[in-house]
């Protein structure tokens, strides 16, 4: 379940032809925890759209502390921007 409206971000220094990020805060159906999810969608030199994501689990609480998310958000976005799905697909095929 969405705990808040997702952010949609675009990268100004992307090497991909097209690239967009969705940043979401999800609440587990059993309300045991939140997941802060950053999902990168991009298209390079072919017509397929690729996706890679990062998820950070946050224990449920009435007073959730989001300092860790706010402190690391830019770094997580940078790490995702540096990842290419093709690297992992090529490894799994062999």
PDB file of N, CA and C in Angstrom:
ATOM      1  N   UNK A   1       0.845  -1.176   0.000  1.00  0.00           N
ATOM      2  CA  UNK A   1       0.000   0.000   0.000  1.00  0.00           C
ATOM      3  C   UNK A   1       0.890   1.240   0.000  1.00  0.00           C
ATOM      4  N   UNK A   2       0.504   2.234  -0.786  1.00  0.00           N
ATOM      5  CA  UNK A   2       1.248   3.485  -0.781  1.00  0.00           C
ATOM      6  C   UNK A   2       1.026   4.198   0.542  1.00  0.00           C
ATOM      7  N   UNK A   3       2.095   4.587   1.204  1.00  0.00           N
ATOM      8  CA  UNK A   3       1.994   5.353   2.431  1.00  0.00           C
ATOM      9  C   UNK A   3       1.986   6.851   2.136  1.00  0.00           C
ATOM     10  N   UNK A   4       2.483   7.212   0.969  1.00  0.00           N
ATOM     11  CA  UNK A   4       2.444   8.592   0.505  1.00  0.00           C
ATOM     12  C   UNK A   4       2.580   8.607  -1.013  1.00  0.00           C
ATOM     13  N   UNK A   5       2.246   9.705  -1.621  1.00  0.00           N
ATOM     14  CA  UNK A   5       2.302   9.820  -3.071  1.00  0.00           C
ATOM     15  C   UNK A   5       3.753   9.667  -3.551  1.00  0.00           C
ATOM     16  N   UNK A   6       3.990   8.871  -4.611  1.00  0.00           N
ATOM     17  CA  UNK A   6       5.365   8.683  -5.101  1.00  0.00           C
ATOM     18  C   UNK A   6       5.924   9.962  -5.730  1.00  0.00           C
ATOM     19  N   UNK A   7       7.241  10.110  -5.642  1.00  0.00           N
ATOM     20  CA  UNK A   7       7.952  11.166  -6.355  1.00  0.00           C
ATOM     21  C   UNK A   7       8.415  10.606  -7.688  1.00  0.00           C
ATOM     22  N   UNK A   8       8.346  11.404  -8.722  1.00  0.00           N
ATOM     23  CA  UNK A   8       8.873  11.034 -10.029  1.00  0.00           C
ATOM     24  C   UNK A   8      10.003  12.004 -10.329  1.00  0.00           C
ATOM     25  N   UNK A   9      11.210  11.468 -10.515  1.00  0.00           N
ATOM     26  CA  UNK A   9      12.395  12.292 -10.724  1.00  0.00           C
ATOM     27  C   UNK A   9      13.043  11.967 -12.056  1.00  0.00           C
ATOM     28  N   UNK A  10      13.673  12.950 -12.658  1.00  0.00           N
ATOM     29  CA  UNK A  10      14.470  12.729 -13.860  1.00  0.00           C
ATOM     30  C   UNK A  10      15.899  13.157 -13.573  1.00  0.00           C
ATOM     31  N   UNK A  11      16.834  12.481 -14.217  1.00  0.00           N
ATOM     32  CA  UNK A  11      18.247  12.776 -14.010  1.00  0.00           C
ATOM     33  C   UNK A  11      18.717  13.807 -15.034  1.00  0.00           C
ATOM     34  N   UNK A  12      19.446  14.802 -14.558  1.00  0.00           N
ATOM     35  CA  UNK A  12      19.983  15.830 -15.453  1.00  0.00           C
ATOM     36  C   UNK A  12      21.291  15.400 -16.108  1.00  0.00           C
ATOM     37  N   UNK A  13      21.993  14.444 -15.503  1.00  0.00           N
ATOM     38  CA  UNK A  13      23.295  14.033 -16.027  1.00  0.00           C
ATOM     39  C   UNK A  13      23.311  12.560 -16.430  1.00  0.00           C
ATOM     40  N   UNK A  14      22.201  12.080 -16.936  1.00  0.00           N
ATOM     41  CA  UNK A  14      22.081  10.672 -17.303  1.00  0.00           C
ATOM     42  C   UNK A  14      22.812  10.390 -18.615  1.00  0.00           C
ATOM     43  N   UNK A  15      23.371   9.181 -18.705  1.00  0.00           N
ATOM     44  CA  UNK A  15      23.962   8.735 -19.964  1.00  0.00           C
ATOM     45  C   UNK A  15      22.952   7.930 -20.780  1.00  0.00           C
ATOM     46  N   UNK A  16      21.828   7.581 -20.181  1.00  0.00           N
ATOM     47  CA  UNK A  16      20.781   6.834 -20.889  1.00  0.00           C
ATOM     48  C   UNK A  16      19.977   7.797 -21.764  1.00  0.00           C
ATOM     49  N   UNK A  17      19.399   7.262 -22.835  1.00  0.00           N
ATOM     50  CA  UNK A  17      18.571   8.084 -23.716  1.00  0.00           C
ATOM     51  C   UNK A  17      17.348   8.606 -22.978  1.00  0.00           C
ATOM     52  N   UNK A  18      16.719   7.728 -22.217  1.00  0.00           N
ATOM     53  CA  UNK A  18      15.542   8.089 -21.422  1.00  0.00           C
ATOM     54  C   UNK A  18      15.713   7.472 -20.043  1.00  0.00           C
ATOM     55  N   UNK A  19      15.351   8.228 -19.015  1.00  0.00           N
ATOM     56  CA  UNK A  19      15.535   7.727 -17.661  1.00  0.00           C
ATOM     57  C   UNK A  19      14.571   8.441 -16.718  1.00  0.00           C
ATOM     58  N   UNK A  20      13.958   7.670 -15.823  1.00  0.00           N
ATOM     59  CA  UNK A  20      13.064   8.238 -14.819  1.00  0.00           C
ATOM     60  C   UNK A  20      13.169   7.391 -13.552  1.00  0.00           C
ATOM     61  N   UNK A  21      12.978   8.043 -12.409  1.00  0.00           N
ATOM     62  CA  UNK A  21      13.026   7.374 -11.112  1.00  0.00           C
ATOM     63  C   UNK A  21      11.687   7.554 -10.407  1.00  0.00           C
ATOM     64  N   UNK A  22      11.216   6.491  -9.779  1.00  0.00           N
ATOM     65  CA  UNK A  22      10.049   6.555  -8.915  1.00  0.00           C
ATOM     66  C   UNK A  22      10.537   6.299  -7.492  1.00  0.00           C
ATOM     67  N   UNK A  23      10.256   7.208  -6.586  1.00  0.00           N
ATOM     68  CA  UNK A  23      10.596   7.042  -5.176  1.00  0.00           C
ATOM     69  C   UNK A  23       9.287   6.892  -4.418  1.00  0.00           C
ATOM     70  N   UNK A  24       9.146   5.766  -3.724  1.00  0.00           N
ATOM     71  CA  UNK A  24       7.875   5.442  -3.079  1.00  0.00           C
ATOM     72  C   UNK A  24       8.099   5.012  -1.641  1.00  0.00           C
ATOM     73  N   UNK A  25       7.138   5.320  -0.812  1.00  0.00           N
ATOM     74  CA  UNK A  25       7.104   4.780   0.539  1.00  0.00           C
ATOM     75  C   UNK A  25       5.893   3.870   0.607  1.00  0.00           C
ATOM     76  N   UNK A  26       6.151   2.588   0.802  1.00  0.00           N
ATOM     77  CA  UNK A  26       5.094   1.582   0.829  1.00  0.00           C
ATOM     78  C   UNK A  26       4.913   1.077   2.254  1.00  0.00           C
ATOM     79  N   UNK A  27       3.695   0.710   2.573  1.00  0.00           N
ATOM     80  CA  UNK A  27       3.380   0.108   3.866  1.00  0.00           C
ATOM     81  C   UNK A  27       2.991  -1.341   3.622  1.00  0.00           C
ATOM     82  N   UNK A  28       3.631  -2.258   4.328  1.00  0.00           N
ATOM     83  CA  UNK A  28       3.303  -3.678   4.184  1.00  0.00           C
ATOM     84  C   UNK A  28       1.834  -3.900   4.527  1.00  0.00           C
ATOM     85  N   UNK A  29       1.165  -4.813   3.822  1.00  0.00           N
ATOM     86  CA  UNK A  29      -0.257  -5.070   4.092  1.00  0.00           C
ATOM     87  C   UNK A  29      -0.557  -5.403   5.560  1.00  0.00           C
ATOM     88  N   UNK A  30       0.378  -6.072   6.236  1.00  0.00           N
ATOM     89  CA  UNK A  30       0.157  -6.397   7.646  1.00  0.00           C
ATOM     90  C   UNK A  30       0.626  -5.288   8.591  1.00  0.00           C
ATOM     91  N   UNK A  31       1.067  -4.173   8.004  1.00  0.00           N
ATOM     92  CA  UNK A  31       1.535  -2.989   8.744  1.00  0.00           C
ATOM     93  C   UNK A  31       2.709  -3.301   9.684  1.00  0.00           C
ATOM     94  N   UNK A  32       3.512  -4.274   9.301  1.00  0.00           N
ATOM     95  CA  UNK A  32       4.675  -4.623  10.111  1.00  0.00           C
ATOM     96  C   UNK A  32       5.879  -3.735   9.810  1.00  0.00           C
ATOM     97  N   UNK A  33       5.898  -3.142   8.612  1.00  0.00           N
ATOM     98  CA  UNK A  33       7.040  -2.323   8.224  1.00  0.00           C
ATOM     99  C   UNK A  33       6.693  -1.463   7.003  1.00  0.00           C
ATOM    100  N   UNK A  34       7.562  -0.494   6.760  1.00  0.00           N
ATOM    101  CA  UNK A  34       7.518   0.305   5.537  1.00  0.00           C
ATOM    102  C   UNK A  34       8.651  -0.152   4.628  1.00  0.00           C
ATOM    103  N   UNK A  35       8.521   0.136   3.351  1.00  0.00           N
ATOM    104  CA  UNK A  35       9.617  -0.051   2.403  1.00  0.00           C
ATOM    105  C   UNK A  35       9.786   1.258   1.656  1.00  0.00           C
ATOM    106  N   UNK A  36      10.981   1.828   1.726  1.00  0.00           N
ATOM    107  CA  UNK A  36      11.295   2.986   0.896  1.00  0.00           C
ATOM    108  C   UNK A  36      11.926   2.422  -0.368  1.00  0.00           C
ATOM    109  N   UNK A  37      11.284   2.641  -1.499  1.00  0.00           N
ATOM    110  CA  UNK A  37      11.701   2.026  -2.760  1.00  0.00           C
ATOM    111  C   UNK A  37      12.074   3.106  -3.763  1.00  0.00           C
ATOM    112  N   UNK A  38      13.235   2.934  -4.386  1.00  0.00           N
ATOM    113  CA  UNK A  38      13.654   3.776  -5.503  1.00  0.00           C
ATOM    114  C   UNK A  38      13.743   2.859  -6.712  1.00  0.00           C
ATOM    115  N   UNK A  39      12.966   3.156  -7.745  1.00  0.00           N
ATOM    116  CA  UNK A  39      12.937   2.328  -8.944  1.00  0.00           C
ATOM    117  C   UNK A  39      13.393   3.161 -10.131  1.00  0.00           C
ATOM    118  N   UNK A  40      14.422   2.698 -10.799  1.00  0.00           N
ATOM    119  CA  UNK A  40      14.966   3.380 -11.975  1.00  0.00           C
ATOM    120  C   UNK A  40      14.494   2.657 -13.232  1.00  0.00           C
ATOM    121  N   UNK A  41      13.882   3.395 -14.134  1.00  0.00           N
ATOM    122  CA  UNK A  41      13.514   2.892 -15.452  1.00  0.00           C
ATOM    123  C   UNK A  41      14.355   3.645 -16.473  1.00  0.00           C
ATOM    124  N   UNK A  42      14.959   2.910 -17.416  1.00  0.00           N
ATOM    125  CA  UNK A  42      15.764   3.596 -18.426  1.00  0.00           C
ATOM    126  C   UNK A  42      15.768   2.834 -19.743  1.00  0.00           C
ATOM    127  N   UNK A  43      16.110   3.572 -20.789  1.00  0.00           N
ATOM    128  CA  UNK A  43      16.260   3.004 -22.134  1.00  0.00           C
ATOM    129  C   UNK A  43      17.584   3.501 -22.678  1.00  0.00           C
ATOM    130  N   UNK A  44      18.391   2.569 -23.186  1.00  0.00           N
ATOM    131  CA  UNK A  44      19.682   2.935 -23.763  1.00  0.00           C
ATOM    132  C   UNK A  44      19.623   2.860 -25.280  1.00  0.00           C
ATOM    133  N   UNK A  45      20.386   1.961 -25.844  1.00  0.00           N
ATOM    134  CA  UNK A  45      20.539   1.897 -27.298  1.00  0.00           C
ATOM    135  C   UNK A  45      19.549   0.987 -28.005  1.00  0.00           C
ATOM    136  N   UNK A  46      18.685   0.318 -27.287  1.00  0.00           N
ATOM    137  CA  UNK A  46      17.691  -0.524 -27.944  1.00  0.00           C
ATOM    138  C   UNK A  46      16.300  -0.023 -27.569  1.00  0.00           C
ATOM    139  N   UNK A  47      15.290  -0.771 -27.933  1.00  0.00           N
ATOM    140  CA  UNK A  47      13.919  -0.304 -27.703  1.00  0.00           C
ATOM    141  C   UNK A  47      13.335  -0.770 -26.384  1.00  0.00           C
ATOM    142  N   UNK A  48      14.016  -1.655 -25.675  1.00  0.00           N
ATOM    143  CA  UNK A  48      13.445  -2.172 -24.428  1.00  0.00           C
ATOM    144  C   UNK A  48      13.687  -1.218 -23.262  1.00  0.00           C
ATOM    145  N   UNK A  49      12.748  -1.195 -22.347  1.00  0.00           N
ATOM    146  CA  UNK A  49      12.882  -0.416 -21.120  1.00  0.00           C
ATOM    147  C   UNK A  49      13.385  -1.356 -20.029  1.00  0.00           C
ATOM    148  N   UNK A  50      14.384  -0.915 -19.313  1.00  0.00           N
ATOM    149  CA  UNK A  50      14.970  -1.723 -18.247  1.00  0.00           C
ATOM    150  C   UNK A  50      14.660  -1.071 -16.911  1.00  0.00           C
ATOM    151  N   UNK A  51      14.715  -1.884 -15.854  1.00  0.00           N
ATOM    152  CA  UNK A  51      14.414  -1.362 -14.527  1.00  0.00           C
ATOM    153  C   UNK A  51      15.330  -2.014 -13.496  1.00  0.00           C
ATOM    154  N   UNK A  52      15.779  -1.205 -12.564  1.00  0.00           N
ATOM    155  CA  UNK A  52      16.537  -1.696 -11.423  1.00  0.00           C
ATOM    156  C   UNK A  52      16.037  -0.906 -10.214  1.00  0.00           C
ATOM    157  N   UNK A  53      15.968  -1.558  -9.045  1.00  0.00           N
ATOM    158  CA  UNK A  53      15.422  -0.851  -7.897  1.00  0.00           C
ATOM    159  C   UNK A  53      16.184  -1.173  -6.626  1.00  0.00           C
ATOM    160  N   UNK A  54      15.998  -0.290  -5.655  1.00  0.00           N
ATOM    161  CA  UNK A  54      16.554  -0.464  -4.323  1.00  0.00           C
ATOM    162  C   UNK A  54      15.405  -0.324  -3.332  1.00  0.00           C
ATOM    163  N   UNK A  55      15.393  -1.180  -2.327  1.00  0.00           N
ATOM    164  CA  UNK A  55      14.356  -1.127  -1.304  1.00  0.00           C
ATOM    165  C   UNK A  55      15.010  -1.140   0.071  1.00  0.00           C
ATOM    166  N   UNK A  56      14.555  -0.231   0.926  1.00  0.00           N
ATOM    167  CA  UNK A  56      15.081  -0.121   2.285  1.00  0.00           C
ATOM    168  C   UNK A  56      13.937  -0.317   3.277  1.00  0.00           C
ATOM    169  N   UNK A  57      14.054  -1.314   4.124  1.00  0.00           N
ATOM    170  CA  UNK A  57      13.000  -1.634   5.086  1.00  0.00           C
ATOM    171  C   UNK A  57      13.108  -0.748   6.322  1.00  0.00           C
ATOM    172  N   UNK A  58      11.954  -0.241   6.758  1.00  0.00           N
ATOM    173  CA  UNK A  58      11.859   0.612   7.945  1.00  0.00           C
ATOM    174  C   UNK A  58      10.811  -0.005   8.864  1.00  0.00           C
ATOM    175  N   UNK A  59      11.169  -0.315  10.120  1.00  0.00           N
ATOM    176  CA  UNK A  59      10.182  -0.889  11.038  1.00  0.00           C
ATOM    177  C   UNK A  59       8.993   0.051  11.234  1.00  0.00           C
ATOM    178  N   UNK A  60       7.809  -0.538  11.377  1.00  0.00           N
ATOM    179  CA  UNK A  60       6.609   0.260  11.589  1.00  0.00           C
ATOM    180  C   UNK A  60       6.645   0.907  12.967  1.00  0.00           C
ATOM    181  N   UNK A  61       6.168   2.141  13.013  1.00  0.00           N
ATOM    182  CA  UNK A  61       6.038   2.879  14.263  1.00  0.00           C
ATOM    183  C   UNK A  61       5.098   4.046  14.001  1.00  0.00           C
ATOM    184  N   UNK A  62       4.421   4.489  15.038  1.00  0.00           N
ATOM    185  CA  UNK A  62       3.575   5.669  14.886  1.00  0.00           C
ATOM    186  C   UNK A  62       4.401   6.915  14.616  1.00  0.00           C
ATOM    187  N   UNK A  63       5.615   6.952  15.131  1.00  0.00           N
ATOM    188  CA  UNK A  63       6.540   8.073  14.927  1.00  0.00           C
ATOM    189  C   UNK A  63       7.771   7.557  14.172  1.00  0.00           C
ATOM    190  N   UNK A  64       7.627   7.370  12.869  1.00  0.00           N
ATOM    191  CA  UNK A  64       8.713   6.800  12.061  1.00  0.00           C
ATOM    192  C   UNK A  64       9.817   7.839  11.875  1.00  0.00           C
ATOM    193  N   UNK A  65      11.060   7.390  12.036  1.00  0.00           N
ATOM    194  CA  UNK A  65      12.217   8.248  11.834  1.00  0.00           C
ATOM    195  C   UNK A  65      12.736   8.025  10.407  1.00  0.00           C
ATOM    196  N   UNK A  66      12.616   9.046   9.567  1.00  0.00           N
ATOM    197  CA  UNK A  66      13.047   8.952   8.175  1.00  0.00           C
ATOM    198  C   UNK A  66      14.420   9.578   7.944  1.00  0.00           C
ATOM    199  N   UNK A  67      15.157   9.853   9.012  1.00  0.00           N
ATOM    200  CA  UNK A  67      16.472  10.485   8.858  1.00  0.00           C
ATOM    201  C   UNK A  67      17.411   9.648   7.997  1.00  0.00           C
ATOM    202  N   UNK A  68      17.416   8.339   8.189  1.00  0.00           N
ATOM    203  CA  UNK A  68      18.308   7.480   7.408  1.00  0.00           C
ATOM    204  C   UNK A  68      17.966   7.561   5.918  1.00  0.00           C
ATOM    205  N   UNK A  69      16.687   7.570   5.606  1.00  0.00           N
ATOM    206  CA  UNK A  69      16.261   7.688   4.206  1.00  0.00           C
ATOM    207  C   UNK A  69      16.706   9.031   3.641  1.00  0.00           C
ATOM    208  N   UNK A  70      16.456  10.102   4.355  1.00  0.00           N
ATOM    209  CA  UNK A  70      16.808  11.426   3.857  1.00  0.00           C
ATOM    210  C   UNK A  70      18.327  11.586   3.730  1.00  0.00           C
ATOM    211  N   UNK A  71      19.076  11.002   4.657  1.00  0.00           N
ATOM    212  CA  UNK A  71      20.539  11.102   4.610  1.00  0.00           C
ATOM    213  C   UNK A  71      21.140  10.306   3.457  1.00  0.00           C
ATOM    214  N   UNK A  72      20.477   9.226   3.041  1.00  0.00           N
ATOM    215  CA  UNK A  72      21.050   8.323   2.038  1.00  0.00           C
ATOM    216  C   UNK A  72      20.384   8.408   0.667  1.00  0.00           C
ATOM    217  N   UNK A  73      19.307   9.135   0.545  1.00  0.00           N
ATOM    218  CA  UNK A  73      18.524   9.161  -0.694  1.00  0.00           C
ATOM    219  C   UNK A  73      19.372   9.518  -1.913  1.00  0.00           C
ATOM    220  N   UNK A  74      20.153  10.560  -1.847  1.00  0.00           N
ATOM    221  CA  UNK A  74      20.967  10.981  -2.997  1.00  0.00           C
ATOM    222  C   UNK A  74      21.985   9.899  -3.367  1.00  0.00           C
ATOM    223  N   UNK A  75      22.576   9.271  -2.366  1.00  0.00           N
ATOM    224  CA  UNK A  75      23.550   8.212  -2.614  1.00  0.00           C
ATOM    225  C   UNK A  75      22.889   7.001  -3.270  1.00  0.00           C
ATOM    226  N   UNK A  76      21.695   6.628  -2.813  1.00  0.00           N
ATOM    227  CA  UNK A  76      20.983   5.495  -3.411  1.00  0.00           C
ATOM    228  C   UNK A  76      20.632   5.791  -4.867  1.00  0.00           C
ATOM    229  N   UNK A  77      20.207   7.016  -5.159  1.00  0.00           N
ATOM    230  CA  UNK A  77      19.911   7.393  -6.543  1.00  0.00           C
ATOM    231  C   UNK A  77      21.162   7.281  -7.403  1.00  0.00           C
ATOM    232  N   UNK A  78      22.288   7.766  -6.904  1.00  0.00           N
ATOM    233  CA  UNK A  78      23.558   7.696  -7.646  1.00  0.00           C
ATOM    234  C   UNK A  78      23.962   6.250  -7.895  1.00  0.00           C
ATOM    235  N   UNK A  79      23.837   5.402  -6.885  1.00  0.00           N
ATOM    236  CA  UNK A  79      24.199   3.993  -7.059  1.00  0.00           C
ATOM    237  C   UNK A  79      23.331   3.324  -8.118  1.00  0.00           C
ATOM    238  N   UNK A  80      22.036   3.616  -8.109  1.00  0.00           N
ATOM    239  CA  UNK A  80      21.150   3.039  -9.120  1.00  0.00           C
ATOM    240  C   UNK A  80      21.480   3.551 -10.507  1.00  0.00           C
ATOM    241  N   UNK A  81      21.849   4.818 -10.604  1.00  0.00           N
ATOM    242  CA  UNK A  81      22.187   5.378 -11.910  1.00  0.00           C
ATOM    243  C   UNK A  81      23.419   4.680 -12.487  1.00  0.00           C
ATOM    244  N   UNK A  82      24.317   4.246 -11.635  1.00  0.00           N
ATOM    245  CA  UNK A  82      25.544   3.579 -12.091  1.00  0.00           C
ATOM    246  C   UNK A  82      25.330   2.115 -12.463  1.00  0.00           C
ATOM    247  N   UNK A  83      24.190   1.525 -12.077  1.00  0.00           N
ATOM    248  CA  UNK A  83      23.917   0.112 -12.357  1.00  0.00           C
ATOM    249  C   UNK A  83      23.270  -0.062 -13.727  1.00  0.00           C
ATOM    250  N   UNK A  84      23.695  -1.090 -14.425  1.00  0.00           N
ATOM    251  CA  UNK A  84      23.103  -1.446 -15.709  1.00  0.00           C
ATOM    252  C   UNK A  84      22.540  -2.857 -15.600  1.00  0.00           C
ATOM    253  N   UNK A  85      21.287  -3.013 -15.934  1.00  0.00           N
ATOM    254  CA  UNK A  85      20.631  -4.311 -15.863  1.00  0.00           C
ATOM    255  C   UNK A  85      21.387  -5.337 -16.702  1.00  0.00           C
ATOM    256  N   UNK A  86      21.942  -4.903 -17.820  1.00  0.00           N
ATOM    257  CA  UNK A  86      22.646  -5.819 -18.728  1.00  0.00           C
ATOM    258  C   UNK A  86      23.784  -6.550 -18.033  1.00  0.00           C
ATOM    259  N   UNK A  87      24.428  -5.923 -17.074  1.00  0.00           N
ATOM    260  CA  UNK A  87      25.513  -6.579 -16.348  1.00  0.00           C
ATOM    261  C   UNK A  87      25.021  -7.828 -15.625  1.00  0.00           C
ATOM    262  N   UNK A  88      23.835  -7.769 -15.070  1.00  0.00           N
ATOM    263  CA  UNK A  88      23.277  -8.879 -14.308  1.00  0.00           C
ATOM    264  C   UNK A  88      22.638  -9.924 -15.209  1.00  0.00           C
ATOM    265  N   UNK A  89      22.019  -9.490 -16.270  1.00  0.00           N
ATOM    266  CA  UNK A  89      21.425 -10.430 -17.219  1.00  0.00           C
ATOM    267  C   UNK A  89      22.507 -11.262 -17.888  1.00  0.00           C
ATOM    268  N   UNK A  90      23.578 -10.615 -18.291  1.00  0.00           N
ATOM    269  CA  UNK A  90      24.676 -11.331 -18.947  1.00  0.00           C
ATOM    270  C   UNK A  90      25.266 -12.383 -18.025  1.00  0.00           C
ATOM    271  N   UNK A  91      25.402 -12.064 -16.735  1.00  0.00           N
ATOM    272  CA  UNK A  91      25.938 -13.013 -15.772  1.00  0.00           C
ATOM    273  C   UNK A  91      25.016 -14.205 -15.578  1.00  0.00           C
ATOM    274  N   UNK A  92      23.723 -13.958 -15.544  1.00  0.00           N
ATOM    275  CA  UNK A  92      22.774 -15.050 -15.269  1.00  0.00           C
ATOM    276  C   UNK A  92      22.576 -15.961 -16.470  1.00  0.00           C
ATOM    277  N   UNK A  93      22.838 -15.473 -17.675  1.00  0.00           N
ATOM    278  CA  UNK A  93      22.665 -16.290 -18.879  1.00  0.00           C
ATOM    279  C   UNK A  93      23.784 -17.310 -19.013  1.00  0.00           C
ATOM    280  N   UNK A  94      24.981 -16.945 -18.598  1.00  0.00           N
ATOM    281  CA  UNK A  94      26.132 -17.834 -18.786  1.00  0.00           C
ATOM    282  C   UNK A  94      26.140 -18.950 -17.837  1.00  0.00           C
TER     283      UNK A  94
END
